[in-house]
PDB file of all heavy atoms in Angstrom:
ATOM      1  N   VAL A   1     131.413  97.785  86.836  1.00  0.00           N
ATOM      2  CA  VAL A   1     132.451  98.486  86.109  1.00  0.00           C
ATOM      3  C   VAL A   1     132.605  97.860  84.715  1.00  0.00           C
ATOM      4  O   VAL A   1     132.669  96.607  84.601  1.00  0.00           O
ATOM      5  CB  VAL A   1     133.729  98.544  86.820  1.00  0.00           C
ATOM      6  CG1 VAL A   1     134.815  99.249  86.023  1.00  0.00           C
ATOM      7  CG2 VAL A   1     133.614  99.229  88.221  1.00  0.00           C
ATOM      8  N   LEU A   2     132.674  98.639  83.690  1.00  0.00           N
ATOM      9  CA  LEU A   2     132.745  98.070  82.333  1.00  0.00           C
ATOM     10  C   LEU A   2     134.216  97.996  81.846  1.00  0.00           C
ATOM     11  O   LEU A   2     135.078  98.686  82.199  1.00  0.00           O
ATOM     12  CB  LEU A   2     132.041  99.016  81.319  1.00  0.00           C
ATOM     13  CG  LEU A   2     130.499  99.107  81.486  1.00  0.00           C
ATOM     14  CD1 LEU A   2     129.919  99.976  80.368  1.00  0.00           C
ATOM     15  CD2 LEU A   2     129.867  97.786  81.563  1.00  0.00           C
ATOM     16  N   GLN A   3     134.387  96.884  80.997  1.00  0.00           N
ATOM     17  CA  GLN A   3     135.654  96.775  80.302  1.00  0.00           C
ATOM     18  C   GLN A   3     135.367  96.410  78.897  1.00  0.00           C
ATOM     19  O   GLN A   3     134.435  95.712  78.468  1.00  0.00           O
ATOM     20  CB  GLN A   3     136.450  95.541  80.980  1.00  0.00           C
ATOM     21  CG  GLN A   3     137.803  95.313  80.311  1.00  0.00           C
ATOM     22  CD  GLN A   3     138.467  94.074  80.917  1.00  0.00           C
ATOM     23  OE1 GLN A   3     137.823  93.112  81.401  1.00  0.00           O
ATOM     24  NE2 GLN A   3     139.781  94.136  80.990  1.00  0.00           N
ATOM     25  N   LYS A   4     136.132  97.019  77.972  1.00  0.00           N
ATOM     26  CA  LYS A   4     135.995  96.736  76.586  1.00  0.00           C
ATOM     27  C   LYS A   4     136.264  95.289  76.264  1.00  0.00           C
ATOM     28  O   LYS A   4     137.007  94.663  76.992  1.00  0.00           O
ATOM     29  CB  LYS A   4     136.909  97.595  75.739  1.00  0.00           C
ATOM     30  CG  LYS A   4     136.396  98.946  75.259  1.00  0.00           C
ATOM     31  CD  LYS A   4     137.292  99.578  74.244  1.00  0.00           C
ATOM     32  CE  LYS A   4     136.700 100.862  73.740  1.00  0.00           C
ATOM     33  NZ  LYS A   4     137.592 101.501  72.717  1.00  0.00           N
ATOM     34  N   ARG A   5     135.589  94.802  75.229  1.00  0.00           N
ATOM     35  CA  ARG A   5     135.775  93.422  74.892  1.00  0.00           C
ATOM     36  C   ARG A   5     137.169  93.085  74.484  1.00  0.00           C
ATOM     37  O   ARG A   5     137.814  93.781  73.812  1.00  0.00           O
ATOM     38  CB  ARG A   5     134.887  93.089  73.596  1.00  0.00           C
ATOM     39  CG  ARG A   5     135.044  91.629  73.064  1.00  0.00           C
ATOM     40  CD  ARG A   5     134.055  91.320  72.042  1.00  0.00           C
ATOM     41  NE  ARG A   5     134.072  92.233  70.887  1.00  0.00           N
ATOM     42  CZ  ARG A   5     134.783  92.116  69.835  1.00  0.00           C
ATOM     43  NH1 ARG A   5     135.677  91.146  69.732  1.00  0.00           N
ATOM     44  NH2 ARG A   5     134.737  93.055  68.872  1.00  0.00           N
ATOM     45  N   THR A   6     137.715  92.095  75.238  1.00  0.00           N
ATOM     46  CA  THR A   6     139.117  91.734  75.033  1.00  0.00           C
ATOM     47  C   THR A   6     139.228  90.235  74.432  1.00  0.00           C
ATOM     48  O   THR A   6     140.292  89.797  74.023  1.00  0.00           O
ATOM     49  CB  THR A   6     139.880  91.701  76.343  1.00  0.00           C
ATOM     50  OG1 THR A   6     139.229  90.869  77.261  1.00  0.00           O
ATOM     51  CG2 THR A   6     139.976  93.140  76.810  1.00  0.00           C
ATOM     52  N   GLN A   7     138.006  89.525  74.413  1.00  0.00           N
ATOM     53  CA  GLN A   7     138.141  88.186  73.814  1.00  0.00           C
ATOM     54  C   GLN A   7     137.238  88.182  72.566  1.00  0.00           C
ATOM     55  O   GLN A   7     136.845  89.208  72.060  1.00  0.00           O
ATOM     56  CB  GLN A   7     137.544  87.193  74.950  1.00  0.00           C
ATOM     57  CG  GLN A   7     138.423  87.229  76.166  1.00  0.00           C
ATOM     58  CD  GLN A   7     137.900  86.291  77.268  1.00  0.00           C
ATOM     59  OE1 GLN A   7     136.816  85.672  77.105  1.00  0.00           O
ATOM     60  NE2 GLN A   7     138.638  86.047  78.312  1.00  0.00           N
ATOM     61  N   ALA A   8     136.933  86.962  72.129  1.00  0.00           N
ATOM     62  CA  ALA A   8     136.213  86.822  70.910  1.00  0.00           C
ATOM     63  C   ALA A   8     134.851  87.445  70.964  1.00  0.00           C
ATOM     64  O   ALA A   8     134.255  87.951  69.951  1.00  0.00           O
ATOM     65  CB  ALA A   8     136.112  85.430  70.434  1.00  0.00           C
ATOM     66  N   SER A   9     134.215  87.453  72.170  1.00  0.00           N
ATOM     67  CA  SER A   9     132.859  87.974  72.310  1.00  0.00           C
ATOM     68  C   SER A   9     132.695  88.576  73.689  1.00  0.00           C
ATOM     69  O   SER A   9     133.506  88.330  74.594  1.00  0.00           O
ATOM     70  CB  SER A   9     131.786  86.889  72.056  1.00  0.00           C
ATOM     71  OG  SER A   9     131.923  85.807  73.042  1.00  0.00           O
ATOM     72  N   ALA A  10     131.670  89.383  73.865  1.00  0.00           N
ATOM     73  CA  ALA A  10     131.364  89.986  75.082  1.00  0.00           C
ATOM     74  C   ALA A  10     129.877  89.994  75.234  1.00  0.00           C
ATOM     75  O   ALA A  10     129.091  90.001  74.194  1.00  0.00           O
ATOM     76  CB  ALA A  10     131.927  91.416  75.232  1.00  0.00           C
ATOM     77  N   PRO A  11     129.312  90.013  76.467  1.00  0.00           N
ATOM     78  CA  PRO A  11     127.853  89.761  76.545  1.00  0.00           C
ATOM     79  C   PRO A  11     126.974  90.996  76.336  1.00  0.00           C
ATOM     80  O   PRO A  11     125.791  90.863  76.195  1.00  0.00           O
ATOM     81  CB  PRO A  11     127.688  89.316  78.042  1.00  0.00           C
ATOM     82  CG  PRO A  11     128.902  89.868  78.738  1.00  0.00           C
ATOM     83  CD  PRO A  11     129.979  89.892  77.769  1.00  0.00           C
ATOM     84  N   TYR A  12     127.539  92.230  76.333  1.00  0.00           N
ATOM     85  CA  TYR A  12     126.759  93.405  76.371  1.00  0.00           C
ATOM     86  C   TYR A  12     127.102  94.355  75.178  1.00  0.00           C
ATOM     87  O   TYR A  12     128.201  94.443  74.730  1.00  0.00           O
ATOM     88  CB  TYR A  12     126.912  94.144  77.672  1.00  0.00           C
ATOM     89  CG  TYR A  12     126.612  93.336  78.869  1.00  0.00           C
ATOM     90  CD1 TYR A  12     127.482  92.942  79.862  1.00  0.00           C
ATOM     91  CD2 TYR A  12     125.272  92.771  79.049  1.00  0.00           C
ATOM     92  CE1 TYR A  12     127.278  92.173  80.904  1.00  0.00           C
ATOM     93  CE2 TYR A  12     124.945  92.003  80.160  1.00  0.00           C
ATOM     94  CZ  TYR A  12     125.975  91.748  81.021  1.00  0.00           C
ATOM     95  OH  TYR A  12     125.614  90.877  82.140  1.00  0.00           O
ATOM     96  N   ILE A  13     126.008  95.016  74.678  1.00  0.00           N
ATOM     97  CA  ILE A  13     126.082  95.975  73.689  1.00  0.00           C
ATOM     98  C   ILE A  13     125.750  97.341  74.249  1.00  0.00           C
ATOM     99  O   ILE A  13     124.804  97.523  75.059  1.00  0.00           O
ATOM    100  CB  ILE A  13     125.056  95.737  72.550  1.00  0.00           C
ATOM    101  CG1 ILE A  13     125.143  94.310  72.030  1.00  0.00           C
ATOM    102  CG2 ILE A  13     125.129  96.761  71.442  1.00  0.00           C
ATOM    103  CD1 ILE A  13     123.973  93.783  71.265  1.00  0.00           C
ATOM    104  N   TYR A  14     126.528  98.362  73.833  1.00  0.00           N
ATOM    105  CA  TYR A  14     126.081  99.741  74.174  1.00  0.00           C
ATOM    106  C   TYR A  14     124.738 100.046  73.455  1.00  0.00           C
ATOM    107  O   TYR A  14     124.640  99.993  72.241  1.00  0.00           O
ATOM    108  CB  TYR A  14     127.177 100.737  73.742  1.00  0.00           C
ATOM    109  CG  TYR A  14     126.744 102.184  74.013  1.00  0.00           C
ATOM    110  CD1 TYR A  14     126.531 102.616  75.279  1.00  0.00           C
ATOM    111  CD2 TYR A  14     126.597 103.075  72.950  1.00  0.00           C
ATOM    112  CE1 TYR A  14     126.150 103.959  75.539  1.00  0.00           C
ATOM    113  CE2 TYR A  14     126.228 104.433  73.196  1.00  0.00           C
ATOM    114  CZ  TYR A  14     126.046 104.854  74.463  1.00  0.00           C
ATOM    115  OH  TYR A  14     125.605 106.151  74.728  1.00  0.00           O
ATOM    116  N   ALA A  15     123.771 100.395  74.281  1.00  0.00           N
ATOM    117  CA  ALA A  15     122.353 100.501  73.737  1.00  0.00           C
ATOM    118  C   ALA A  15     122.037 101.944  73.331  1.00  0.00           C
ATOM    119  O   ALA A  15     120.835 102.180  73.015  1.00  0.00           O
ATOM    120  CB  ALA A  15     121.399 100.065  74.815  1.00  0.00           C
ATOM    121  N   GLY A  16     122.975 102.828  73.215  1.00  0.00           N
ATOM    122  CA  GLY A  16     122.740 104.150  72.565  1.00  0.00           C
ATOM    123  C   GLY A  16     122.282 105.176  73.508  1.00  0.00           C
ATOM    124  O   GLY A  16     122.035 106.363  73.054  1.00  0.00           O
ATOM    125  N   ILE A  17     122.337 104.974  74.812  1.00  0.00           N
ATOM    126  CA  ILE A  17     122.057 106.046  75.774  1.00  0.00           C
ATOM    127  C   ILE A  17     123.014 105.937  76.938  1.00  0.00           C
ATOM    128  O   ILE A  17     123.315 104.847  77.404  1.00  0.00           O
ATOM    129  CB  ILE A  17     120.562 105.961  76.292  1.00  0.00           C
ATOM    130  CG1 ILE A  17     119.595 106.146  75.132  1.00  0.00           C
ATOM    131  CG2 ILE A  17     120.331 106.884  77.400  1.00  0.00           C
ATOM    132  CD1 ILE A  17     118.111 106.007  75.582  1.00  0.00           C
ATOM    133  N   GLU A  18     123.438 107.095  77.411  1.00  0.00           N
ATOM    134  CA  GLU A  18     124.277 107.122  78.644  1.00  0.00           C
ATOM    135  C   GLU A  18     124.043 108.350  79.442  1.00  0.00           C
ATOM    136  O   GLU A  18     123.479 109.318  79.021  1.00  0.00           O
ATOM    137  CB  GLU A  18     125.758 107.135  78.242  1.00  0.00           C
ATOM    138  CG  GLU A  18     126.297 108.341  77.531  1.00  0.00           C
ATOM    139  CD  GLU A  18     127.763 108.589  77.656  1.00  0.00           C
ATOM    140  OE1 GLU A  18     128.330 108.448  78.826  1.00  0.00           O
ATOM    141  OE2 GLU A  18     128.461 108.930  76.641  1.00  0.00           O
ATOM    142  N   ILE A  19     124.407 108.240  80.665  1.00  0.00           N
ATOM    143  CA  ILE A  19     124.407 109.426  81.591  1.00  0.00           C
ATOM    144  C   ILE A  19     125.934 109.935  81.589  1.00  0.00           C
ATOM    145  O   ILE A  19     126.830 109.111  81.781  1.00  0.00           O
ATOM    146  CB  ILE A  19     123.952 109.134  82.997  1.00  0.00           C
ATOM    147  CG1 ILE A  19     122.495 108.585  82.967  1.00  0.00           C
ATOM    148  CG2 ILE A  19     124.026 110.344  83.902  1.00  0.00           C
ATOM    149  CD1 ILE A  19     122.000 108.135  84.315  1.00  0.00           C
ATOM    150  N   PHE A  20     126.087 111.157  81.424  1.00  0.00           N
ATOM    151  CA  PHE A  20     127.363 111.798  81.139  1.00  0.00           C
ATOM    152  C   PHE A  20     127.568 113.036  81.915  1.00  0.00           C
ATOM    153  O   PHE A  20     126.754 113.851  81.972  1.00  0.00           O
ATOM    154  CB  PHE A  20     127.480 112.059  79.618  1.00  0.00           C
ATOM    155  CG  PHE A  20     128.781 112.625  79.156  1.00  0.00           C
ATOM    156  CD1 PHE A  20     129.871 111.794  78.860  1.00  0.00           C
ATOM    157  CD2 PHE A  20     128.871 113.986  78.863  1.00  0.00           C
ATOM    158  CE1 PHE A  20     131.074 112.395  78.399  1.00  0.00           C
ATOM    159  CE2 PHE A  20     130.033 114.508  78.410  1.00  0.00           C
ATOM    160  CZ  PHE A  20     131.115 113.721  78.092  1.00  0.00           C
ATOM    161  N   LYS A  21     128.757 113.218  82.468  1.00  0.00           N
ATOM    162  CA  LYS A  21     129.150 114.514  83.141  1.00  0.00           C
ATOM    163  C   LYS A  21     129.812 115.355  82.112  1.00  0.00           C
ATOM    164  O   LYS A  21     130.908 115.013  81.616  1.00  0.00           O
ATOM    165  CB  LYS A  21     130.096 114.184  84.319  1.00  0.00           C
ATOM    166  CG  LYS A  21     129.567 113.480  85.456  1.00  0.00           C
ATOM    167  CD  LYS A  21     130.607 113.201  86.499  1.00  0.00           C
ATOM    168  CE  LYS A  21     129.991 112.472  87.741  1.00  0.00           C
ATOM    169  NZ  LYS A  21     131.004 112.190  88.760  1.00  0.00           N
ATOM    170  N   PRO A  22     129.225 116.478  81.730  1.00  0.00           N
ATOM    171  CA  PRO A  22     129.791 117.343  80.698  1.00  0.00           C
ATOM    172  C   PRO A  22     131.184 117.761  81.025  1.00  0.00           C
ATOM    173  O   PRO A  22     132.014 118.029  80.006  1.00  0.00           O
ATOM    174  CB  PRO A  22     128.848 118.616  80.712  1.00  0.00           C
ATOM    175  CG  PRO A  22     127.565 118.069  81.194  1.00  0.00           C
ATOM    176  CD  PRO A  22     127.886 117.027  82.191  1.00  0.00           C
ATOM    177  N   SER A  23     131.660 117.822  82.232  1.00  0.00           N
ATOM    178  CA  SER A  23     133.019 118.220  82.545  1.00  0.00           C
ATOM    179  C   SER A  23     134.027 117.321  81.942  1.00  0.00           C
ATOM    180  O   SER A  23     135.193 117.649  81.666  1.00  0.00           O
ATOM    181  CB  SER A  23     133.191 118.274  84.067  1.00  0.00           C
ATOM    182  OG  SER A  23     132.971 117.015  84.603  1.00  0.00           O
ATOM    183  N   LEU A  24     133.673 116.067  81.616  1.00  0.00           N
ATOM    184  CA  LEU A  24     134.509 115.073  81.013  1.00  0.00           C
ATOM    185  C   LEU A  24     134.992 115.564  79.565  1.00  0.00           C
ATOM    186  O   LEU A  24     136.055 115.118  79.103  1.00  0.00           O
ATOM    187  CB  LEU A  24     133.849 113.730  80.859  1.00  0.00           C
ATOM    188  CG  LEU A  24     133.459 113.030  82.158  1.00  0.00           C
ATOM    189  CD1 LEU A  24     132.595 111.801  81.892  1.00  0.00           C
ATOM    190  CD2 LEU A  24     134.714 112.721  82.968  1.00  0.00           C
ATOM    191  N   ALA A  25     134.219 116.421  78.977  1.00  0.00           N
ATOM    192  CA  ALA A  25     134.601 116.907  77.638  1.00  0.00           C
ATOM    193  C   ALA A  25     135.389 118.145  77.681  1.00  0.00           C
ATOM    194  O   ALA A  25     135.766 118.605  76.607  1.00  0.00           O
ATOM    195  CB  ALA A  25     133.330 117.076  76.807  1.00  0.00           C
ATOM    196  N   HIS A  26     135.541 118.692  78.888  1.00  0.00           N
ATOM    197  CA  HIS A  26     136.330 119.979  78.894  1.00  0.00           C
ATOM    198  C   HIS A  26     137.765 119.654  78.591  1.00  0.00           C
ATOM    199  O   HIS A  26     138.326 118.624  78.884  1.00  0.00           O
ATOM    200  CB  HIS A  26     136.232 120.558  80.364  1.00  0.00           C
ATOM    201  CG  HIS A  26     134.913 121.040  80.739  1.00  0.00           C
ATOM    202  ND1 HIS A  26     134.581 121.471  81.978  1.00  0.00           N
ATOM    203  CD2 HIS A  26     133.828 121.306  79.966  1.00  0.00           C
ATOM    204  CE1 HIS A  26     133.286 121.895  82.053  1.00  0.00           C
ATOM    205  NE2 HIS A  26     132.824 121.775  80.787  1.00  0.00           N
ATOM    206  N   GLY A  27     138.387 120.606  77.865  1.00  0.00           N
ATOM    207  CA  GLY A  27     139.817 120.374  77.482  1.00  0.00           C
ATOM    208  C   GLY A  27     139.992 119.759  76.140  1.00  0.00           C
ATOM    209  O   GLY A  27     141.134 119.751  75.588  1.00  0.00           O
ATOM    210  N   PHE A  28     138.937 119.164  75.615  1.00  0.00           N
ATOM    211  CA  PHE A  28     138.961 118.663  74.185  1.00  0.00           C
ATOM    212  C   PHE A  28     138.662 119.796  73.200  1.00  0.00           C
ATOM    213  O   PHE A  28     137.812 120.704  73.418  1.00  0.00           O
ATOM    214  CB  PHE A  28     137.988 117.544  73.999  1.00  0.00           C
ATOM    215  CG  PHE A  28     138.349 116.239  74.726  1.00  0.00           C
ATOM    216  CD1 PHE A  28     137.927 115.986  76.012  1.00  0.00           C
ATOM    217  CD2 PHE A  28     139.135 115.386  74.011  1.00  0.00           C
ATOM    218  CE1 PHE A  28     138.310 114.785  76.654  1.00  0.00           C
ATOM    219  CE2 PHE A  28     139.558 114.166  74.704  1.00  0.00           C
ATOM    220  CZ  PHE A  28     139.092 113.866  75.950  1.00  0.00           C
ATOM    221  N   GLU A  29     139.327 119.755  72.023  1.00  0.00           N
ATOM    222  CA  GLU A  29     139.069 120.726  70.991  1.00  0.00           C
ATOM    223  C   GLU A  29     137.824 120.449  70.291  1.00  0.00           C
ATOM    224  O   GLU A  29     137.367 119.322  70.097  1.00  0.00           O
ATOM    225  CB  GLU A  29     140.220 120.731  70.023  1.00  0.00           C
ATOM    226  CG  GLU A  29     141.590 121.144  70.587  1.00  0.00           C
ATOM    227  CD  GLU A  29     142.670 121.167  69.505  1.00  0.00           C
ATOM    228  OE1 GLU A  29     142.374 121.558  68.338  1.00  0.00           O
ATOM    229  OE2 GLU A  29     143.835 120.779  69.838  1.00  0.00           O
ATOM    230  N   GLU A  30     137.206 121.512  69.766  1.00  0.00           N
ATOM    231  CA  GLU A  30     136.034 121.411  68.970  1.00  0.00           C
ATOM    232  C   GLU A  30     136.477 121.043  67.514  1.00  0.00           C
ATOM    233  O   GLU A  30     136.677 121.849  66.638  1.00  0.00           O
ATOM    234  CB  GLU A  30     135.254 122.749  68.905  1.00  0.00           C
ATOM    235  CG  GLU A  30     133.913 122.703  68.230  1.00  0.00           C
ATOM    236  CD  GLU A  30     133.165 123.971  68.208  1.00  0.00           C
ATOM    237  OE1 GLU A  30     133.009 124.547  69.316  1.00  0.00           O
ATOM    238  OE2 GLU A  30     132.830 124.537  67.117  1.00  0.00           O
ATOM    239  N   LYS A  31     136.601 119.806  67.314  1.00  0.00           N
ATOM    240  CA  LYS A  31     137.039 119.256  65.971  1.00  0.00           C
ATOM    241  C   LYS A  31     136.367 117.820  65.891  1.00  0.00           C
ATOM    242  O   LYS A  31     135.841 117.324  66.842  1.00  0.00           O
ATOM    243  CB  LYS A  31     138.525 119.156  65.938  1.00  0.00           C
ATOM    244  CG  LYS A  31     139.145 118.200  66.849  1.00  0.00           C
ATOM    245  CD  LYS A  31     140.752 118.144  66.743  1.00  0.00           C
ATOM    246  CE  LYS A  31     141.341 117.173  67.700  1.00  0.00           C
ATOM    247  NZ  LYS A  31     142.836 117.181  67.541  1.00  0.00           N
ATOM    248  N   LYS A  32     136.521 117.228  64.640  1.00  0.00           N
ATOM    249  CA  LYS A  32     136.023 115.882  64.462  1.00  0.00           C
ATOM    250  C   LYS A  32     136.787 114.922  65.317  1.00  0.00           C
ATOM    251  O   LYS A  32     137.991 114.640  65.228  1.00  0.00           O
ATOM    252  CB  LYS A  32     136.162 115.454  63.016  1.00  0.00           C
ATOM    253  CG  LYS A  32     135.284 116.259  62.054  1.00  0.00           C
ATOM    254  CD  LYS A  32     135.435 115.663  60.622  1.00  0.00           C
ATOM    255  CE  LYS A  32     134.504 116.449  59.642  1.00  0.00           C
ATOM    256  NZ  LYS A  32     134.645 115.799  58.271  1.00  0.00           N
ATOM    257  N   PHE A  33     136.033 114.208  66.175  1.00  0.00           N
ATOM    258  CA  PHE A  33     136.608 113.019  66.846  1.00  0.00           C
ATOM    259  C   PHE A  33     135.496 112.243  67.550  1.00  0.00           C
ATOM    260  O   PHE A  33     134.368 112.716  67.720  1.00  0.00           O
ATOM    261  CB  PHE A  33     137.624 113.393  67.940  1.00  0.00           C
ATOM    262  CG  PHE A  33     137.124 114.007  69.181  1.00  0.00           C
ATOM    263  CD1 PHE A  33     136.879 113.177  70.289  1.00  0.00           C
ATOM    264  CD2 PHE A  33     136.876 115.392  69.334  1.00  0.00           C
ATOM    265  CE1 PHE A  33     136.385 113.809  71.494  1.00  0.00           C
ATOM    266  CE2 PHE A  33     136.364 115.952  70.505  1.00  0.00           C
ATOM    267  CZ  PHE A  33     136.146 115.153  71.560  1.00  0.00           C
ATOM    268  N   SER A  34     135.706 110.931  67.776  1.00  0.00           N
ATOM    269  CA  SER A  34     134.755 110.034  68.359  1.00  0.00           C
ATOM    270  C   SER A  34     134.680 110.155  69.878  1.00  0.00           C
ATOM    271  O   SER A  34     135.699 110.381  70.515  1.00  0.00           O
ATOM    272  CB  SER A  34     135.084 108.617  67.931  1.00  0.00           C
ATOM    273  OG  SER A  34     134.247 107.700  68.676  1.00  0.00           O
ATOM    274  N   ARG A  35     133.560 109.945  70.410  1.00  0.00           N
ATOM    275  CA  ARG A  35     133.362 109.954  71.831  1.00  0.00           C
ATOM    276  C   ARG A  35     134.112 108.786  72.491  1.00  0.00           C
ATOM    277  O   ARG A  35     134.384 108.771  73.709  1.00  0.00           O
ATOM    278  CB  ARG A  35     131.881 109.897  72.206  1.00  0.00           C
ATOM    279  CG  ARG A  35     131.579 110.617  73.542  1.00  0.00           C
ATOM    280  CD  ARG A  35     130.115 111.125  73.692  1.00  0.00           C
ATOM    281  NE  ARG A  35     129.118 110.134  74.022  1.00  0.00           N
ATOM    282  CZ  ARG A  35     128.214 109.697  73.253  1.00  0.00           C
ATOM    283  NH1 ARG A  35     128.093 110.114  72.016  1.00  0.00           N
ATOM    284  NH2 ARG A  35     127.329 108.777  73.639  1.00  0.00           N
ATOM    285  N   ASN A  36     134.573 107.791  71.658  1.00  0.00           N
ATOM    286  CA  ASN A  36     135.347 106.765  72.195  1.00  0.00           C
ATOM    287  C   ASN A  36     136.627 107.180  72.874  1.00  0.00           C
ATOM    288  O   ASN A  36     137.180 106.609  73.687  1.00  0.00           O
ATOM    289  CB  ASN A  36     135.736 105.748  71.019  1.00  0.00           C
ATOM    290  CG  ASN A  36     134.619 104.822  70.719  1.00  0.00           C
ATOM    291  OD1 ASN A  36     134.181 104.027  71.594  1.00  0.00           O
ATOM    292  ND2 ASN A  36     134.111 104.909  69.480  1.00  0.00           N
ATOM    293  N   VAL A  37     137.135 108.379  72.391  1.00  0.00           N
ATOM    294  CA  VAL A  37     138.382 108.955  72.956  1.00  0.00           C
ATOM    295  C   VAL A  37     138.079 109.331  74.417  1.00  0.00           C
ATOM    296  O   VAL A  37     138.959 109.113  75.280  1.00  0.00           O
ATOM    297  CB  VAL A  37     138.779 110.233  72.183  1.00  0.00           C
ATOM    298  CG1 VAL A  37     140.018 110.843  72.822  1.00  0.00           C
ATOM    299  CG2 VAL A  37     139.131 109.814  70.738  1.00  0.00           C
ATOM    300  N   ILE A  38     136.939 109.831  74.638  1.00  0.00           N
ATOM    301  CA  ILE A  38     136.575 110.181  76.080  1.00  0.00           C
ATOM    302  C   ILE A  38     136.288 108.954  76.862  1.00  0.00           C
ATOM    303  O   ILE A  38     136.675 108.744  77.980  1.00  0.00           O
ATOM    304  CB  ILE A  38     135.363 111.110  76.102  1.00  0.00           C
ATOM    305  CG1 ILE A  38     135.692 112.413  75.387  1.00  0.00           C
ATOM    306  CG2 ILE A  38     134.970 111.400  77.532  1.00  0.00           C
ATOM    307  CD1 ILE A  38     134.448 113.405  75.212  1.00  0.00           C
ATOM    308  N   TRP A  39     135.628 107.995  76.206  1.00  0.00           N
ATOM    309  CA  TRP A  39     135.302 106.715  76.839  1.00  0.00           C
ATOM    310  C   TRP A  39     136.569 105.944  77.326  1.00  0.00           C
ATOM    311  O   TRP A  39     136.565 105.432  78.327  1.00  0.00           O
ATOM    312  CB  TRP A  39     134.493 105.877  75.894  1.00  0.00           C
ATOM    313  CG  TRP A  39     133.093 106.297  75.688  1.00  0.00           C
ATOM    314  CD1 TRP A  39     132.475 107.410  76.230  1.00  0.00           C
ATOM    315  CD2 TRP A  39     132.085 105.670  74.768  1.00  0.00           C
ATOM    316  NE1 TRP A  39     131.194 107.499  75.741  1.00  0.00           N
ATOM    317  CE2 TRP A  39     130.833 106.474  74.886  1.00  0.00           C
ATOM    318  CE3 TRP A  39     132.189 104.550  73.988  1.00  0.00           C
ATOM    319  CZ2 TRP A  39     129.760 106.160  74.177  1.00  0.00           C
ATOM    320  CZ3 TRP A  39     130.996 104.259  73.221  1.00  0.00           C
ATOM    321  CH2 TRP A  39     129.818 104.991  73.319  1.00  0.00           C
ATOM    322  N   ASP A  40     137.559 105.952  76.402  1.00  0.00           N
ATOM    323  CA  ASP A  40     138.756 105.184  76.743  1.00  0.00           C
ATOM    324  C   ASP A  40     139.426 105.743  78.022  1.00  0.00           C
ATOM    325  O   ASP A  40     139.942 104.891  78.796  1.00  0.00           O
ATOM    326  CB  ASP A  40     139.743 105.243  75.631  1.00  0.00           C
ATOM    327  CG  ASP A  40     139.318 104.433  74.396  1.00  0.00           C
ATOM    328  OD1 ASP A  40     138.484 103.555  74.581  1.00  0.00           O
ATOM    329  OD2 ASP A  40     139.897 104.610  73.244  1.00  0.00           O
TER     330      ASP A  40
END
C-alpha cells in the first residue's frame, strides 16, 4: 500500500504507468484538473 512522501525523502518514484479502474473517474466534471485529485 502506498503513502505519499511525508518526510524529507521517499524511496520510490511514480514511473509513469498505472493500472486504473475507469469507474474511479465517474462523478468528476470534464474540466481541467490533475489526476492527483483522484489519487488522493
